[in-house]
Amino acid sequence: MNSKASKTLFHLFQTGVLGLPSRDSRFVFFGAEPGFRLPEDWNAPIHAVQGFRPDFLALSRMGVAV
């Protein structure tokens, strides 16, 4: 699953409008849904915020810090 929200969020990074965050950066993803894909060469850790328990658990299983 790759929602419109996650596509929109990462679009600015994929098109080069914004530079990719470094490993030292913090990136918070509010309303993250399971199955999102990060742009190539993404180095920053993702900290996801998700209040819907099934999505929270699925994100946790993906290895995302929720």
PDB file of N, CA and C in Angstrom:
ATOM      1  N   MET A   1       0.852  -1.180   0.000  1.00  0.00           N
ATOM      2  CA  MET A   1       0.000   0.000   0.000  1.00  0.00           C
ATOM      3  C   MET A   1       0.894   1.238   0.000  1.00  0.00           C
ATOM      4  N   ASN A   2       0.587   2.162  -0.848  1.00  0.00           N
ATOM      5  CA  ASN A   2       1.327   3.412  -0.904  1.00  0.00           C
ATOM      6  C   ASN A   2       0.322   4.533  -1.115  1.00  0.00           C
ATOM      7  N   SER A   3      -0.086   5.177  -0.039  1.00  0.00           N
ATOM      8  CA  SER A   3      -1.152   6.175  -0.102  1.00  0.00           C
ATOM      9  C   SER A   3      -0.707   7.439  -0.818  1.00  0.00           C
ATOM     10  N   LYS A   4      -1.697   8.236  -1.201  1.00  0.00           N
ATOM     11  CA  LYS A   4      -1.413   9.516  -1.834  1.00  0.00           C
ATOM     12  C   LYS A   4      -0.636  10.419  -0.889  1.00  0.00           C
ATOM     13  N   ALA A   5      -0.932  10.324   0.412  1.00  0.00           N
ATOM     14  CA  ALA A   5      -0.246  11.171   1.390  1.00  0.00           C
ATOM     15  C   ALA A   5       1.248  10.893   1.409  1.00  0.00           C
ATOM     16  N   SER A   6       1.641   9.629   1.431  1.00  0.00           N
ATOM     17  CA  SER A   6       3.074   9.328   1.476  1.00  0.00           C
ATOM     18  C   SER A   6       3.746   9.677   0.149  1.00  0.00           C
ATOM     19  N   LYS A   7       3.041   9.487  -0.966  1.00  0.00           N
ATOM     20  CA  LYS A   7       3.604   9.885  -2.255  1.00  0.00           C
ATOM     21  C   LYS A   7       3.831  11.392  -2.284  1.00  0.00           C
ATOM     22  N   THR A   8       2.873  12.153  -1.768  1.00  0.00           N
ATOM     23  CA  THR A   8       2.990  13.604  -1.731  1.00  0.00           C
ATOM     24  C   THR A   8       4.118  14.027  -0.797  1.00  0.00           C
ATOM     25  N   LEU A   9       4.221  13.382   0.347  1.00  0.00           N
ATOM     26  CA  LEU A   9       5.252  13.718   1.330  1.00  0.00           C
ATOM     27  C   LEU A   9       6.649  13.558   0.745  1.00  0.00           C
ATOM     28  N   PHE A  10       6.892  12.451   0.088  1.00  0.00           N
ATOM     29  CA  PHE A  10       8.227  12.166  -0.421  1.00  0.00           C
ATOM     30  C   PHE A  10       8.499  12.760  -1.804  1.00  0.00           C
ATOM     31  N   HIS A  11       7.475  13.321  -2.467  1.00  0.00           N
ATOM     32  CA  HIS A  11       7.629  13.885  -3.813  1.00  0.00           C
ATOM     33  C   HIS A  11       8.700  14.975  -3.851  1.00  0.00           C
ATOM     34  N   LEU A  12       8.708  15.854  -2.881  1.00  0.00           N
ATOM     35  CA  LEU A  12       9.682  16.948  -2.864  1.00  0.00           C
ATOM     36  C   LEU A  12      11.116  16.443  -2.777  1.00  0.00           C
ATOM     37  N   PHE A  13      11.313  15.341  -2.092  1.00  0.00           N
ATOM     38  CA  PHE A  13      12.650  14.757  -1.990  1.00  0.00           C
ATOM     39  C   PHE A  13      13.020  14.030  -3.280  1.00  0.00           C
ATOM     40  N   GLN A  14      12.056  13.318  -3.858  1.00  0.00           N
ATOM     41  CA  GLN A  14      12.321  12.547  -5.073  1.00  0.00           C
ATOM     42  C   GLN A  14      12.610  13.444  -6.272  1.00  0.00           C
ATOM     43  N   THR A  15      11.990  14.609  -6.322  1.00  0.00           N
ATOM     44  CA  THR A  15      12.191  15.513  -7.452  1.00  0.00           C
ATOM     45  C   THR A  15      13.378  16.451  -7.248  1.00  0.00           C
ATOM     46  N   GLY A  16      13.982  16.430  -6.069  1.00  0.00           N
ATOM     47  CA  GLY A  16      15.147  17.259  -5.813  1.00  0.00           C
ATOM     48  C   GLY A  16      14.824  18.659  -5.335  1.00  0.00           C
ATOM     49  N   VAL A  17      13.548  18.970  -5.112  1.00  0.00           N
ATOM     50  CA  VAL A  17      13.183  20.282  -4.583  1.00  0.00           C
ATOM     51  C   VAL A  17      13.802  20.457  -3.198  1.00  0.00           C
ATOM     52  N   LEU A  18      13.745  19.411  -2.409  1.00  0.00           N
ATOM     53  CA  LEU A  18      14.411  19.375  -1.106  1.00  0.00           C
ATOM     54  C   LEU A  18      15.508  18.322  -1.154  1.00  0.00           C
ATOM     55  N   GLY A  19      16.632  18.630  -0.544  1.00  0.00           N
ATOM     56  CA  GLY A  19      17.702  17.647  -0.455  1.00  0.00           C
ATOM     57  C   GLY A  19      17.325  16.538   0.517  1.00  0.00           C
ATOM     58  N   LEU A  20      17.874  15.366   0.293  1.00  0.00           N
ATOM     59  CA  LEU A  20      17.594  14.255   1.194  1.00  0.00           C
ATOM     60  C   LEU A  20      18.166  14.552   2.574  1.00  0.00           C
ATOM     61  N   PRO A  21      17.440  14.188   3.626  1.00  0.00           N
ATOM     62  CA  PRO A  21      17.964  14.419   4.972  1.00  0.00           C
ATOM     63  C   PRO A  21      19.172  13.528   5.243  1.00  0.00           C
ATOM     64  N   SER A  22      20.064  14.020   6.079  1.00  0.00           N
ATOM     65  CA  SER A  22      21.263  13.248   6.428  1.00  0.00           C
ATOM     66  C   SER A  22      20.942  12.247   7.531  1.00  0.00           C
ATOM     67  N   ARG A  23      21.889  11.394   7.821  1.00  0.00           N
ATOM     68  CA  ARG A  23      21.718  10.392   8.884  1.00  0.00           C
ATOM     69  C   ARG A  23      21.495  11.043  10.240  1.00  0.00           C
ATOM     70  N   ASP A  24      22.017  12.247  10.411  1.00  0.00           N
ATOM     71  CA  ASP A  24      21.883  12.950  11.687  1.00  0.00           C
ATOM     72  C   ASP A  24      20.544  13.664  11.825  1.00  0.00           C
ATOM     73  N   SER A  25      19.764  13.705  10.751  1.00  0.00           N
ATOM     74  CA  SER A  25      18.466  14.376  10.773  1.00  0.00           C
ATOM     75  C   SER A  25      17.429  13.523  11.477  1.00  0.00           C
ATOM     76  N   ARG A  26      16.359  14.171  11.878  1.00  0.00           N
ATOM     77  CA  ARG A  26      15.195  13.466  12.425  1.00  0.00           C
ATOM     78  C   ARG A  26      14.037  13.731  11.482  1.00  0.00           C
ATOM     79  N   PHE A  27      13.313  12.681  11.146  1.00  0.00           N
ATOM     80  CA  PHE A  27      12.204  12.818  10.220  1.00  0.00           C
ATOM     81  C   PHE A  27      10.979  12.187  10.860  1.00  0.00           C
ATOM     82  N   VAL A  28       9.957  12.993  11.117  1.00  0.00           N
ATOM     83  CA  VAL A  28       8.721  12.511  11.729  1.00  0.00           C
ATOM     84  C   VAL A  28       7.658  12.416  10.643  1.00  0.00           C
ATOM     85  N   PHE A  29       7.002  11.280  10.595  1.00  0.00           N
ATOM     86  CA  PHE A  29       5.987  11.009   9.574  1.00  0.00           C
ATOM     87  C   PHE A  29       4.662  10.806  10.299  1.00  0.00           C
ATOM     88  N   PHE A  30       3.834  11.854  10.365  1.00  0.00           N
ATOM     89  CA  PHE A  30       2.523  11.776  11.016  1.00  0.00           C
ATOM     90  C   PHE A  30       1.531  11.072  10.095  1.00  0.00           C
ATOM     91  N   GLY A  31       0.758  10.168  10.649  1.00  0.00           N
ATOM     92  CA  GLY A  31      -0.243   9.447   9.877  1.00  0.00           C
ATOM     93  C   GLY A  31       0.349   8.422   8.935  1.00  0.00           C
ATOM     94  N   ALA A  32       1.535   7.936   9.259  1.00  0.00           N
ATOM     95  CA  ALA A  32       2.200   6.948   8.401  1.00  0.00           C
ATOM     96  C   ALA A  32       1.341   5.700   8.254  1.00  0.00           C
ATOM     97  N   GLU A  33       1.329   5.173   7.052  1.00  0.00           N
ATOM     98  CA  GLU A  33       0.584   3.949   6.775  1.00  0.00           C
ATOM     99  C   GLU A  33       1.571   2.849   6.415  1.00  0.00           C
ATOM    100  N   PRO A  34       1.243   1.621   6.755  1.00  0.00           N
ATOM    101  CA  PRO A  34       2.142   0.513   6.421  1.00  0.00           C
ATOM    102  C   PRO A  34       2.338   0.395   4.911  1.00  0.00           C
ATOM    103  N   GLY A  35       3.532   0.001   4.539  1.00  0.00           N
ATOM    104  CA  GLY A  35       3.822  -0.240   3.134  1.00  0.00           C
ATOM    105  C   GLY A  35       4.410   0.943   2.387  1.00  0.00           C
ATOM    106  N   PHE A  36       4.678   2.056   3.087  1.00  0.00           N
ATOM    107  CA  PHE A  36       5.249   3.198   2.382  1.00  0.00           C
ATOM    108  C   PHE A  36       6.678   2.860   1.936  1.00  0.00           C
ATOM    109  N   ARG A  37       7.098   3.506   0.862  1.00  0.00           N
ATOM    110  CA  ARG A  37       8.440   3.288   0.340  1.00  0.00           C
ATOM    111  C   ARG A  37       9.222   4.589   0.399  1.00  0.00           C
ATOM    112  N   LEU A  38      10.437   4.494   0.873  1.00  0.00           N
ATOM    113  CA  LEU A  38      11.303   5.663   0.961  1.00  0.00           C
ATOM    114  C   LEU A  38      11.993   5.903  -0.374  1.00  0.00           C
ATOM    115  N   PRO A  39      12.319   7.163  -0.673  1.00  0.00           N
ATOM    116  CA  PRO A  39      13.086   7.443  -1.887  1.00  0.00           C
ATOM    117  C   PRO A  39      14.456   6.754  -1.833  1.00  0.00           C
ATOM    118  N   GLU A  40      15.018   6.493  -3.006  1.00  0.00           N
ATOM    119  CA  GLU A  40      16.357   5.907  -3.061  1.00  0.00           C
ATOM    120  C   GLU A  40      17.338   6.820  -2.340  1.00  0.00           C
ATOM    121  N   ASP A  41      18.356   6.253  -1.763  1.00  0.00           N
ATOM    122  CA  ASP A  41      19.420   6.978  -1.052  1.00  0.00           C
ATOM    123  C   ASP A  41      18.933   7.681   0.213  1.00  0.00           C
ATOM    124  N   TRP A  42      17.788   7.296   0.738  1.00  0.00           N
ATOM    125  CA  TRP A  42      17.273   7.885   1.980  1.00  0.00           C
ATOM    126  C   TRP A  42      18.102   7.359   3.143  1.00  0.00           C
ATOM    127  N   ASN A  43      18.664   8.242   3.964  1.00  0.00           N
ATOM    128  CA  ASN A  43      19.521   7.829   5.069  1.00  0.00           C
ATOM    129  C   ASN A  43      18.952   8.129   6.445  1.00  0.00           C
ATOM    130  N   ALA A  44      18.018   9.051   6.532  1.00  0.00           N
ATOM    131  CA  ALA A  44      17.498   9.491   7.836  1.00  0.00           C
ATOM    132  C   ALA A  44      16.534   8.460   8.412  1.00  0.00           C
ATOM    133  N   PRO A  45      16.612   8.253   9.722  1.00  0.00           N
ATOM    134  CA  PRO A  45      15.638   7.355  10.338  1.00  0.00           C
ATOM    135  C   PRO A  45      14.247   7.985  10.329  1.00  0.00           C
ATOM    136  N   ILE A  46      13.240   7.151  10.160  1.00  0.00           N
ATOM    137  CA  ILE A  46      11.841   7.596  10.166  1.00  0.00           C
ATOM    138  C   ILE A  46      11.249   7.322  11.535  1.00  0.00           C
ATOM    139  N   HIS A  47      10.603   8.309  12.099  1.00  0.00           N
ATOM    140  CA  HIS A  47       9.856   8.154  13.346  1.00  0.00           C
ATOM    141  C   HIS A  47       8.390   8.373  12.981  1.00  0.00           C
ATOM    142  N   ALA A  48       7.623   7.301  12.959  1.00  0.00           N
ATOM    143  CA  ALA A  48       6.235   7.370  12.516  1.00  0.00           C
ATOM    144  C   ALA A  48       5.292   7.604  13.688  1.00  0.00           C
ATOM    145  N   VAL A  49       4.248   8.373  13.435  1.00  0.00           N
ATOM    146  CA  VAL A  49       3.193   8.607  14.412  1.00  0.00           C
ATOM    147  C   VAL A  49       1.914   8.034  13.819  1.00  0.00           C
ATOM    148  N   GLN A  50       1.330   7.071  14.520  1.00  0.00           N
ATOM    149  CA  GLN A  50       0.122   6.410  14.027  1.00  0.00           C
ATOM    150  C   GLN A  50      -0.725   5.984  15.215  1.00  0.00           C
ATOM    151  N   GLY A  51      -1.934   6.511  15.308  1.00  0.00           N
ATOM    152  CA  GLY A  51      -2.822   6.204  16.426  1.00  0.00           C
ATOM    153  C   GLY A  51      -3.730   5.009  16.188  1.00  0.00           C
ATOM    154  N   PHE A  52      -3.848   4.564  14.937  1.00  0.00           N
ATOM    155  CA  PHE A  52      -4.697   3.423  14.608  1.00  0.00           C
ATOM    156  C   PHE A  52      -3.896   2.150  14.864  1.00  0.00           C
ATOM    157  N   ARG A  53      -4.306   1.392  15.864  1.00  0.00           N
ATOM    158  CA  ARG A  53      -3.505   0.264  16.351  1.00  0.00           C
ATOM    159  C   ARG A  53      -3.114  -0.748  15.271  1.00  0.00           C
ATOM    160  N   PRO A  54      -4.006  -1.177  14.376  1.00  0.00           N
ATOM    161  CA  PRO A  54      -3.567  -2.130  13.351  1.00  0.00           C
ATOM    162  C   PRO A  54      -2.438  -1.579  12.470  1.00  0.00           C
ATOM    163  N   ASP A  55      -2.517  -0.302  12.112  1.00  0.00           N
ATOM    164  CA  ASP A  55      -1.436   0.299  11.326  1.00  0.00           C
ATOM    165  C   ASP A  55      -0.177   0.457  12.170  1.00  0.00           C
ATOM    166  N   PHE A  56      -0.339   0.816  13.439  1.00  0.00           N
ATOM    167  CA  PHE A  56       0.787   0.909  14.366  1.00  0.00           C
ATOM    168  C   PHE A  56       1.544  -0.415  14.408  1.00  0.00           C
ATOM    169  N   LEU A  57       0.812  -1.513  14.576  1.00  0.00           N
ATOM    170  CA  LEU A  57       1.448  -2.833  14.644  1.00  0.00           C
ATOM    171  C   LEU A  57       2.113  -3.220  13.330  1.00  0.00           C
ATOM    172  N   ALA A  58       1.467  -2.904  12.215  1.00  0.00           N
ATOM    173  CA  ALA A  58       2.049  -3.226  10.910  1.00  0.00           C
ATOM    174  C   ALA A  58       3.326  -2.419  10.669  1.00  0.00           C
ATOM    175  N   LEU A  59       3.339  -1.150  11.056  1.00  0.00           N
ATOM    176  CA  LEU A  59       4.543  -0.336  10.931  1.00  0.00           C
ATOM    177  C   LEU A  59       5.655  -0.892  11.811  1.00  0.00           C
ATOM    178  N   SER A  60       5.301  -1.315  13.003  1.00  0.00           N
ATOM    179  CA  SER A  60       6.294  -1.906  13.907  1.00  0.00           C
ATOM    180  C   SER A  60       6.910  -3.147  13.281  1.00  0.00           C
ATOM    181  N   ARG A  61       6.071  -3.980  12.643  1.00  0.00           N
ATOM    182  CA  ARG A  61       6.583  -5.183  11.990  1.00  0.00           C
ATOM    183  C   ARG A  61       7.490  -4.850  10.808  1.00  0.00           C
ATOM    184  N   MET A  62       7.279  -3.686  10.204  1.00  0.00           N
ATOM    185  CA  MET A  62       8.154  -3.226   9.100  1.00  0.00           C
ATOM    186  C   MET A  62       9.510  -2.760   9.608  1.00  0.00           C
ATOM    187  N   GLY A  63       9.617  -2.588  10.928  1.00  0.00           N
ATOM    188  CA  GLY A  63      10.879  -2.104  11.505  1.00  0.00           C
ATOM    189  C   GLY A  63      10.934  -0.600  11.663  1.00  0.00           C
ATOM    190  N   VAL A  64       9.791   0.058  11.513  1.00  0.00           N
ATOM    191  CA  VAL A  64       9.721   1.510  11.656  1.00  0.00           C
ATOM    192  C   VAL A  64       9.557   1.857  13.141  1.00  0.00           C
ATOM    193  N   ALA A  65      10.244   2.877  13.602  1.00  0.00           N
ATOM    194  CA  ALA A  65      10.070   3.364  14.976  1.00  0.00           C
ATOM    195  C   ALA A  65       8.730   4.096  15.033  1.00  0.00           C
ATOM    196  N   VAL A  66       7.778   3.551  15.781  1.00  0.00           N
ATOM    197  CA  VAL A  66       6.440   4.128  15.856  1.00  0.00           C
ATOM    198  C   VAL A  66       6.199   4.654  17.257  1.00  0.00           C
TER     199      VAL A  66
END
